[in-house]
C-alpha atoms as a PDB file:
ATOM      1  CA  MET A   1      94.250  85.198  99.449  1.00  0.00           C
ATOM      2  CA  PRO A   2      97.328  86.871  98.363  1.00  0.00           C
ATOM      3  CA  ARG A   3     100.185  85.299 100.934  1.00  0.00           C
ATOM      4  CA  TRP A   4     101.032  88.821 102.477  1.00  0.00           C
ATOM      5  CA  THR A   5      97.329  89.714 103.016  1.00  0.00           C
ATOM      6  CA  ALA A   6      96.662  86.533 104.811  1.00  0.00           C
ATOM      7  CA  GLY A   7      99.999  87.355 107.206  1.00  0.00           C
ATOM      8  CA  LEU A   8      98.722  90.559 108.008  1.00  0.00           C
ATOM      9  CA  ALA A   9      95.202  90.023 109.193  1.00  0.00           C
ATOM     10  CA  LEU A  10      95.961  89.220 113.019  1.00  0.00           C
ATOM     11  CA  LEU A  11      98.293  92.014 112.819  1.00  0.00           C
ATOM     12  CA  LEU A  12      95.775  94.772 111.348  1.00  0.00           C
ATOM     13  CA  ALA A  13      93.155  93.846 113.733  1.00  0.00           C
ATOM     14  CA  LEU A  14      95.082  94.674 116.601  1.00  0.00           C
ATOM     15  CA  ALA A  15      96.426  97.636 114.589  1.00  0.00           C
ATOM     16  CA  GLY A  16      92.899  98.763 114.047  1.00  0.00           C
ATOM     17  CA  GLN A  17      92.422  99.336 117.812  1.00  0.00           C
ATOM     18  CA  PRO A  18      93.533 102.508 120.108  1.00  0.00           C
ATOM     19  CA  GLY A  19      96.542 101.908 122.799  1.00  0.00           C
ATOM     20  CA  PHE A  20      98.104  98.936 120.238  1.00  0.00           C
ATOM     21  CA  ALA A  21     100.765 101.860 120.397  1.00  0.00           C
ATOM     22  CA  ASP A  22     102.293 105.045 122.117  1.00  0.00           C
ATOM     23  CA  GLU A  23     102.632 107.521 119.552  1.00  0.00           C
ATOM     24  CA  ALA A  24     106.560 107.184 120.050  1.00  0.00           C
ATOM     25  CA  ASP A  25     106.298 103.861 118.500  1.00  0.00           C
ATOM     26  CA  ALA A  26     103.826 104.288 116.227  1.00  0.00           C
ATOM     27  CA  ASP A  27     105.763 106.710 114.628  1.00  0.00           C
ATOM     28  CA  ARG A  28     109.018 106.041 115.054  1.00  0.00           C
ATOM     29  CA  ARG A  29     108.856 101.931 113.759  1.00  0.00           C
ATOM     30  CA  VAL A  30     112.417 101.968 112.412  1.00  0.00           C
ATOM     31  CA  ALA A  31     113.232  99.037 110.009  1.00  0.00           C
ATOM     32  CA  ALA A  32     117.252  97.894 109.763  1.00  0.00           C
ATOM     33  CA  ARG A  33     117.294 100.819 107.202  1.00  0.00           C
ATOM     34  CA  PRO A  34     114.163 103.657 106.263  1.00  0.00           C
ATOM     35  CA  SER A  35     112.558 102.265 103.758  1.00  0.00           C
ATOM     36  CA  LEU A  36     110.558 103.762 100.861  1.00  0.00           C
ATOM     37  CA  THR A  37     107.411 102.805  98.654  1.00  0.00           C
ATOM     38  CA  LEU A  38     106.780 104.297  95.412  1.00  0.00           C
ATOM     39  CA  ILE A  39     103.389 104.312  93.400  1.00  0.00           C
ATOM     40  CA  ILE A  40     103.077 106.056  89.811  1.00  0.00           C
ATOM     41  CA  ASP A  41      99.686 107.329  89.132  1.00  0.00           C
ATOM     42  CA  ASP A  42      97.599 108.190  86.398  1.00  0.00           C
ATOM     43  CA  LEU A  43      98.968 105.244  83.687  1.00  0.00           C
ATOM     44  CA  GLY A  44      97.293 103.257  80.947  1.00  0.00           C
ATOM     45  CA  GLN A  45      97.569 106.971  78.784  1.00  0.00           C
ATOM     46  CA  ASN A  46     100.829 107.128  77.361  1.00  0.00           C
ATOM     47  CA  PRO A  47     102.603 103.926  76.103  1.00  0.00           C
ATOM     48  CA  ALA A  48     105.907 105.629  76.183  1.00  0.00           C
ATOM     49  CA  ARG A  49     105.953 106.867  79.648  1.00  0.00           C
ATOM     50  CA  ASP A  50     104.333 104.046  80.707  1.00  0.00           C
ATOM     51  CA  ARG A  51     106.794 102.121  79.824  1.00  0.00           C
ATOM     52  CA  ARG A  52     109.477 103.818  81.677  1.00  0.00           C
ATOM     53  CA  VAL A  53     107.607 103.462  84.734  1.00  0.00           C
ATOM     54  CA  LEU A  54     107.905  99.846  83.978  1.00  0.00           C
ATOM     55  CA  GLN A  55     111.017  99.629  83.096  1.00  0.00           C
ATOM     56  CA  LEU A  56     112.542 101.539  86.894  1.00  0.00           C
ATOM     57  CA  PRO A  57     114.470  99.118  88.562  1.00  0.00           C
ATOM     58  CA  GLY A  58     112.912  98.164  91.544  1.00  0.00           C
ATOM     59  CA  PRO A  59     109.233  97.726  92.846  1.00  0.00           C
ATOM     60  CA  VAL A  60     107.380 100.409  91.675  1.00  0.00           C
ATOM     61  CA  ALA A  61     103.968  99.862  92.235  1.00  0.00           C
ATOM     62  CA  LEU A  62     101.736 100.779  89.098  1.00  0.00           C
ATOM     63  CA  ALA A  63      98.426 102.933  89.540  1.00  0.00           C
ATOM     64  CA  ILE A  64      96.269 102.122  86.243  1.00  0.00           C
ATOM     65  CA  LEU A  65      93.274 104.371  85.004  1.00  0.00           C
ATOM     66  CA  PRO A  66      90.281 102.143  84.013  1.00  0.00           C
ATOM     67  CA  GLY A  67      89.570 102.768  80.333  1.00  0.00           C
ATOM     68  CA  THR A  68      92.033 104.631  79.464  1.00  0.00           C
ATOM     69  CA  ARG A  69      93.359 102.853  75.844  1.00  0.00           C
ATOM     70  CA  HIS A  70      96.604 100.638  77.327  1.00  0.00           C
ATOM     71  CA  ALA A  71      95.422 100.142  80.874  1.00  0.00           C
ATOM     72  CA  ALA A  72      94.534  95.992  80.240  1.00  0.00           C
ATOM     73  CA  GLU A  73      97.875  95.875  77.868  1.00  0.00           C
ATOM     74  CA  LEU A  74      99.833  97.927  80.752  1.00  0.00           C
ATOM     75  CA  ALA A  75      98.462  95.521  83.708  1.00  0.00           C
ATOM     76  CA  GLU A  76      99.504  92.654  81.957  1.00  0.00           C
ATOM     77  CA  GLN A  77     103.228  93.439  81.194  1.00  0.00           C
ATOM     78  CA  ALA A  78     103.338  95.028  84.821  1.00  0.00           C
ATOM     79  CA  HIS A  79     102.421  91.632  86.448  1.00  0.00           C
ATOM     80  CA  ARG A  80     104.397  89.702  84.139  1.00  0.00           C
ATOM     81  CA  ALA A  81     107.457  91.995  85.461  1.00  0.00           C
ATOM     82  CA  GLY A  82     106.273  90.963  89.070  1.00  0.00           C
ATOM     83  CA  LYS A  83     105.061  94.594  89.722  1.00  0.00           C
ATOM     84  CA  THR A  84     102.637  95.834  92.108  1.00  0.00           C
ATOM     85  CA  VAL A  85      99.134  96.348  89.795  1.00  0.00           C
ATOM     86  CA  MET A  86      96.682  99.123  91.324  1.00  0.00           C
ATOM     87  CA  LEU A  87      93.549 100.208  90.289  1.00  0.00           C
ATOM     88  CA  HIS A  88      93.256 103.989  90.247  1.00  0.00           C
ATOM     89  CA  MET A  89      90.014 104.252  90.861  1.00  0.00           C
ATOM     90  CA  PRO A  90      88.529 107.788  89.945  1.00  0.00           C
ATOM     91  CA  MET A  91      86.368 109.561  92.587  1.00  0.00           C
ATOM     92  CA  ALA A  92      84.535 113.264  92.877  1.00  0.00           C
ATOM     93  CA  PRO A  93      85.161 115.743  91.244  1.00  0.00           C
ATOM     94  CA  ALA A  94      86.879 113.267  88.811  1.00  0.00           C
ATOM     95  CA  GLY A  95      84.048 112.577  86.167  1.00  0.00           C
ATOM     96  CA  GLY A  96      83.676 109.556  83.726  1.00  0.00           C
ATOM     97  CA  ARG A  97      81.355 106.510  83.695  1.00  0.00           C
ATOM     98  CA  PHE A  98      84.154 104.765  86.593  1.00  0.00           C
ATOM     99  CA  ALA A  99      83.660 107.719  88.815  1.00  0.00           C
ATOM    100  CA  TRP A 100      82.326 107.621  92.323  1.00  0.00           C
ATOM    101  CA  HIS A 101      80.442 110.917  93.294  1.00  0.00           C
ATOM    102  CA  PRO A 102      78.696 111.241  96.827  1.00  0.00           C
ATOM    103  CA  GLN A 103      75.003 110.856  95.368  1.00  0.00           C
ATOM    104  CA  LEU A 104      75.632 107.166  93.910  1.00  0.00           C
ATOM    105  CA  PRO A 105      73.823 104.536  95.634  1.00  0.00           C
ATOM    106  CA  HIS A 106      75.938 101.316  97.028  1.00  0.00           C
ATOM    107  CA  ASP A 107      74.463  99.377  94.364  1.00  0.00           C
ATOM    108  CA  GLU A 108      75.770 102.041  92.068  1.00  0.00           C
ATOM    109  CA  LEU A 109      79.133 102.181  93.432  1.00  0.00           C
ATOM    110  CA  ALA A 110      79.431  98.428  93.212  1.00  0.00           C
ATOM    111  CA  ARG A 111      78.296  98.386  89.624  1.00  0.00           C
ATOM    112  CA  ARG A 112      81.616 101.308  88.718  1.00  0.00           C
ATOM    113  CA  LEU A 113      83.637  99.419  91.032  1.00  0.00           C
ATOM    114  CA  ASP A 114      83.185  95.932  89.373  1.00  0.00           C
ATOM    115  CA  ALA A 115      83.393  97.577  85.650  1.00  0.00           C
ATOM    116  CA  ALA A 116      86.851  99.512  87.101  1.00  0.00           C
ATOM    117  CA  LEU A 117      88.451  95.722  87.854  1.00  0.00           C
ATOM    118  CA  ALA A 118      87.417  94.429  84.824  1.00  0.00           C
ATOM    119  CA  ALA A 119      89.485  96.903  83.225  1.00  0.00           C
ATOM    120  CA  VAL A 120      92.419  96.579  84.905  1.00  0.00           C
ATOM    121  CA  PRO A 121      93.557  92.687  85.119  1.00  0.00           C
ATOM    122  CA  HIS A 122      95.794  91.520  88.297  1.00  0.00           C
ATOM    123  CA  VAL A 123      94.482  94.491  90.651  1.00  0.00           C
ATOM    124  CA  ARG A 124      95.928  93.797  94.064  1.00  0.00           C
ATOM    125  CA  GLY A 125      94.769  96.992  95.846  1.00  0.00           C
ATOM    126  CA  LEU A 126      93.296 100.648  95.055  1.00  0.00           C
ATOM    127  CA  ASN A 127      93.517 104.079  95.479  1.00  0.00           C
ATOM    128  CA  ASN A 128      91.651 107.167  94.836  1.00  0.00           C
ATOM    129  CA  HIS A 129      92.190 109.247  91.712  1.00  0.00           C
ATOM    130  CA  MET A 130      91.591 112.736  92.991  1.00  0.00           C
ATOM    131  CA  GLY A 131      88.503 111.691  95.321  1.00  0.00           C
ATOM    132  CA  SER A 132      88.328 115.158  97.419  1.00  0.00           C
ATOM    133  CA  ALA A 133      84.610 115.109  97.750  1.00  0.00           C
ATOM    134  CA  MET A 134      84.583 111.215  97.907  1.00  0.00           C
ATOM    135  CA  THR A 135      86.945 110.615 100.663  1.00  0.00           C
ATOM    136  CA  GLU A 136      85.084 112.471 102.822  1.00  0.00           C
ATOM    137  CA  GLN A 137      82.445 110.478 102.837  1.00  0.00           C
ATOM    138  CA  PRO A 138      81.943 108.061 105.952  1.00  0.00           C
ATOM    139  CA  GLN A 139      79.355 106.045 104.975  1.00  0.00           C
ATOM    140  CA  ALA A 140      80.908 105.501 101.075  1.00  0.00           C
ATOM    141  CA  MET A 141      84.305 104.679 102.641  1.00  0.00           C
ATOM    142  CA  THR A 142      83.393 102.568 105.532  1.00  0.00           C
ATOM    143  CA  TRP A 143      81.020 100.575 102.094  1.00  0.00           C
ATOM    144  CA  LEU A 144      84.406 100.719 100.183  1.00  0.00           C
ATOM    145  CA  MET A 145      87.028  99.211 103.115  1.00  0.00           C
ATOM    146  CA  GLY A 146      84.440  96.047 103.651  1.00  0.00           C
ATOM    147  CA  GLU A 147      84.126  95.351  99.653  1.00  0.00           C
ATOM    148  CA  LEU A 148      87.712  95.576  99.195  1.00  0.00           C
ATOM    149  CA  GLN A 149      88.538  93.126 102.514  1.00  0.00           C
ATOM    150  CA  ARG A 150      86.199  91.341 100.820  1.00  0.00           C
ATOM    151  CA  ARG A 151      87.868  90.942  97.641  1.00  0.00           C
ATOM    152  CA  HIS A 152      91.337  90.772  99.589  1.00  0.00           C
ATOM    153  CA  LEU A 153      92.469  94.508  97.964  1.00  0.00           C
ATOM    154  CA  PHE A 154      94.701  96.775 100.162  1.00  0.00           C
ATOM    155  CA  PHE A 155      93.780 100.459 100.212  1.00  0.00           C
ATOM    156  CA  LEU A 156      96.123 103.605  99.460  1.00  0.00           C
ATOM    157  CA  ASP A 157      94.630 106.611 100.843  1.00  0.00           C
ATOM    158  CA  SER A 158      96.194 109.352  98.766  1.00  0.00           C
ATOM    159  CA  ARG A 159      95.051 112.273 100.843  1.00  0.00           C
ATOM    160  CA  THR A 160      93.550 114.494  98.046  1.00  0.00           C
ATOM    161  CA  SER A 161      91.640 116.191 100.963  1.00  0.00           C
ATOM    162  CA  PRO A 162      93.025 117.146 104.456  1.00  0.00           C
ATOM    163  CA  ARG A 163      89.378 115.721 105.932  1.00  0.00           C
ATOM    164  CA  THR A 164      89.611 112.506 104.490  1.00  0.00           C
ATOM    165  CA  VAL A 165      88.120 109.709 106.409  1.00  0.00           C
ATOM    166  CA  ALA A 166      89.644 107.123 104.398  1.00  0.00           C
ATOM    167  CA  ALA A 167      92.253 105.859 105.873  1.00  0.00           C
ATOM    168  CA  ALA A 168      90.571 106.020 109.308  1.00  0.00           C
ATOM    169  CA  SER A 169      87.468 104.108 107.844  1.00  0.00           C
ATOM    170  CA  ALA A 170      90.483 101.250 106.615  1.00  0.00           C
ATOM    171  CA  GLN A 171      91.737 101.277 109.778  1.00  0.00           C
ATOM    172  CA  ARG A 172      88.721 100.741 111.650  1.00  0.00           C
ATOM    173  CA  THR A 173      87.843  98.052 109.478  1.00  0.00           C
ATOM    174  CA  ALA A 174      91.452  96.144 109.806  1.00  0.00           C
ATOM    175  CA  LEU A 175      91.817  96.478 106.432  1.00  0.00           C
ATOM    176  CA  ALA A 176      95.031  96.216 105.171  1.00  0.00           C
ATOM    177  CA  SER A 177      95.861  99.968 103.831  1.00  0.00           C
ATOM    178  CA  LEU A 178      98.611 102.990 103.662  1.00  0.00           C
ATOM    179  CA  SER A 179      98.808 106.836 103.606  1.00  0.00           C
ATOM    180  CA  ARG A 180     100.652 108.812 101.272  1.00  0.00           C
ATOM    181  CA  ASP A 181     102.940 110.715 102.346  1.00  0.00           C
ATOM    182  CA  ILE A 182     104.135 112.730  99.706  1.00  0.00           C
ATOM    183  CA  PHE A 183     103.544 113.683  96.807  1.00  0.00           C
ATOM    184  CA  LEU A 184     106.561 114.118  94.566  1.00  0.00           C
ATOM    185  CA  ASP A 185     104.990 116.363  91.784  1.00  0.00           C
ATOM    186  CA  ASP A 186     102.426 118.419  92.392  1.00  0.00           C
ATOM    187  CA  ASP A 187     105.266 121.199  90.826  1.00  0.00           C
ATOM    188  CA  PRO A 188     106.625 119.343  87.860  1.00  0.00           C
ATOM    189  CA  SER A 189     109.083 121.633  87.560  1.00  0.00           C
ATOM    190  CA  PRO A 190     112.617 119.746  87.761  1.00  0.00           C
ATOM    191  CA  ALA A 191     113.980 121.928  90.581  1.00  0.00           C
ATOM    192  CA  ALA A 192     110.639 121.067  92.701  1.00  0.00           C
ATOM    193  CA  VAL A 193     110.415 117.436  92.083  1.00  0.00           C
ATOM    194  CA  ALA A 194     114.227 116.911  93.396  1.00  0.00           C
ATOM    195  CA  GLU A 195     113.437 118.841  96.389  1.00  0.00           C
ATOM    196  CA  ARG A 196     110.388 117.205  97.186  1.00  0.00           C
ATOM    197  CA  PHE A 197     112.603 113.946  96.575  1.00  0.00           C
ATOM    198  CA  GLN A 198     115.306 115.107  99.123  1.00  0.00           C
ATOM    199  CA  ALA A 199     111.951 115.432 101.392  1.00  0.00           C
ATOM    200  CA  ALA A 200     110.962 112.221 101.335  1.00  0.00           C
ATOM    201  CA  ILE A 201     114.702 110.668 101.862  1.00  0.00           C
ATOM    202  CA  ALA A 202     114.449 112.806 105.066  1.00  0.00           C
ATOM    203  CA  LEU A 203     111.114 112.256 106.108  1.00  0.00           C
ATOM    204  CA  ALA A 204     112.278 108.108 105.423  1.00  0.00           C
ATOM    205  CA  ARG A 205     114.794 108.571 108.008  1.00  0.00           C
ATOM    206  CA  LYS A 206     112.753 110.989 110.817  1.00  0.00           C
ATOM    207  CA  GLN A 207     109.976 107.738 110.750  1.00  0.00           C
ATOM    208  CA  GLY A 208     111.650 104.681 109.429  1.00  0.00           C
ATOM    209  CA  SER A 209     109.455 104.820 105.936  1.00  0.00           C
ATOM    210  CA  VAL A 210     107.962 107.093 103.355  1.00  0.00           C
ATOM    211  CA  VAL A 211     105.047 106.425 100.814  1.00  0.00           C
ATOM    212  CA  ILE A 212     105.519 108.523  97.678  1.00  0.00           C
ATOM    213  CA  ILE A 213     103.157 108.906  95.173  1.00  0.00           C
ATOM    214  CA  GLY A 214     104.275 110.717  91.881  1.00  0.00           C
ATOM    215  CA  HIS A 215     103.020 111.219  88.181  1.00  0.00           C
ATOM    216  CA  PRO A 216     104.823 110.336  84.842  1.00  0.00           C
ATOM    217  CA  HIS A 217     105.652 113.881  83.745  1.00  0.00           C
ATOM    218  CA  GLU A 218     108.965 114.007  82.147  1.00  0.00           C
ATOM    219  CA  SER A 219     111.138 115.844  85.073  1.00  0.00           C
ATOM    220  CA  THR A 220     109.169 112.947  87.546  1.00  0.00           C
ATOM    221  CA  LEU A 221     110.698 110.082  85.339  1.00  0.00           C
ATOM    222  CA  ALA A 222     113.983 111.564  84.631  1.00  0.00           C
ATOM    223  CA  LEU A 223     114.525 112.163  88.845  1.00  0.00           C
ATOM    224  CA  LEU A 224     113.495 108.334  89.353  1.00  0.00           C
ATOM    225  CA  GLU A 225     115.623 106.921  86.640  1.00  0.00           C
ATOM    226  CA  ARG A 226     118.326 108.799  88.066  1.00  0.00           C
ATOM    227  CA  GLU A 227     117.980 108.856  91.697  1.00  0.00           C
ATOM    228  CA  LEU A 228     116.287 105.618  92.517  1.00  0.00           C
ATOM    229  CA  PRO A 229     119.596 103.484  91.974  1.00  0.00           C
ATOM    230  CA  ARG A 230     121.562 105.532  94.138  1.00  0.00           C
ATOM    231  CA  LEU A 231     118.861 104.904  97.070  1.00  0.00           C
ATOM    232  CA  THR A 232     120.703 101.576  98.679  1.00  0.00           C
ATOM    233  CA  ALA A 233     124.260 103.680  98.489  1.00  0.00           C
ATOM    234  CA  GLN A 234     121.782 106.551 100.906  1.00  0.00           C
ATOM    235  CA  GLY A 235     121.204 103.940 102.977  1.00  0.00           C
ATOM    236  CA  ILE A 236     116.988 103.336 102.349  1.00  0.00           C
ATOM    237  CA  GLU A 237     115.420 100.486 101.033  1.00  0.00           C
ATOM    238  CA  TRP A 238     112.923 100.615  98.331  1.00  0.00           C
ATOM    239  CA  VAL A 239     109.740  98.282  99.183  1.00  0.00           C
ATOM    240  CA  ASP A 240     106.684  97.046  97.733  1.00  0.00           C
ATOM    241  CA  VAL A 241     103.587  98.425  98.957  1.00  0.00           C
ATOM    242  CA  GLY A 242     102.669  94.308 100.593  1.00  0.00           C
ATOM    243  CA  GLN A 243     106.207  95.014 102.550  1.00  0.00           C
ATOM    244  CA  MET A 244     105.297  98.834 103.598  1.00  0.00           C
ATOM    245  CA  ILE A 245     102.036  97.747 104.672  1.00  0.00           C
ATOM    246  CA  ALA A 246     103.440  94.880 106.691  1.00  0.00           C
ATOM    247  CA  THR A 247     105.966  97.246 108.137  1.00  0.00           C
ATOM    248  CA  ARG A 248     103.478 100.327 109.217  1.00  0.00           C
ATOM    249  CA  GLY A 249     100.494  97.477 110.467  1.00  0.00           C
ATOM    250  CA  ASN A 250      97.949  99.847 109.468  1.00  0.00           C
ATOM    251  CA  ARG A 251      99.329 102.372 112.049  1.00  0.00           C
ATOM    252  CA  ALA A 252      98.869 106.641 111.470  1.00  0.00           C
ATOM    253  CA  MET A 253     102.141 108.401 110.645  1.00  0.00           C
ATOM    254  CA  ALA A 254     102.324 111.424 112.922  1.00  0.00           C
ATOM    255  CA  ALA A 255     101.125 113.949 110.498  1.00  0.00           C
ATOM    256  CA  HIS A 256      97.558 111.863 110.031  1.00  0.00           C
ATOM    257  CA  GLY A 257      97.134 110.470 113.607  1.00  0.00           C
ATOM    258  CA  ARG A 258      97.692 110.544 117.419  1.00  0.00           C
ATOM    259  CA  GLY A 259      99.203 107.034 119.235  1.00  0.00           C
ATOM    260  CA  GLY A 260      99.012 105.233 115.452  1.00  0.00           C
ATOM    261  CA  ILE A 261      94.950 106.061 115.068  1.00  0.00           C
ATOM    262  CA  TYR A 262      93.921 108.097 112.423  1.00  0.00           C
ATOM    263  CA  ARG A 263      92.182 111.244 113.049  1.00  0.00           C
END
């Protein structure tokens, strides 16, 4: 079991219980400095852009699509560089041989999860690629969180649907997990990406932490290469996914729940 997941067992068991913290405490847990965690999705398809993500000067997490031409090679490189490797698991409406769909039985979901994990070595956790149809399915999400618990993997809810039940299922299972706060580049224009990054910094200062997901667009990479080295001077601490899980302790932020409990 990874060291950071073992140390969280009791904390996460408590965090999943209603009343563990009042809303003010849950939403304003502020460390010594506001903290930021960054995940880059959709990797494994373009070696030049993958390399730029890998070379970002800090604990970026790489969410790699299974079945892409460079998935295994990139995962090996990221592992050697000490970066967090994540499985970017395709979920409906995404297609392909790994994709999860609501009508699939659990044994087929398990087979596809096994195949995806085999395609991306050194995985420490999973987030959903697309998945708005799948993350709305309570039974499938409860099953998934149990599987990830058994495998000692964390879960990040990308929150591609306002009706997602994934984070709530993870919380009830006391699985090490997070929810995305900011998508950096829904609009990949340089001005929009810059605006979203500043919104992320402001949110980190407001609630003590922020979880950002971006994609390997040219505009996103250019902004991150320019702005990430400035975080320390702005009083923001860039932390890896494991540290953010420990900081938040499975609590929902105000946008996603009440009293630390996911809606």
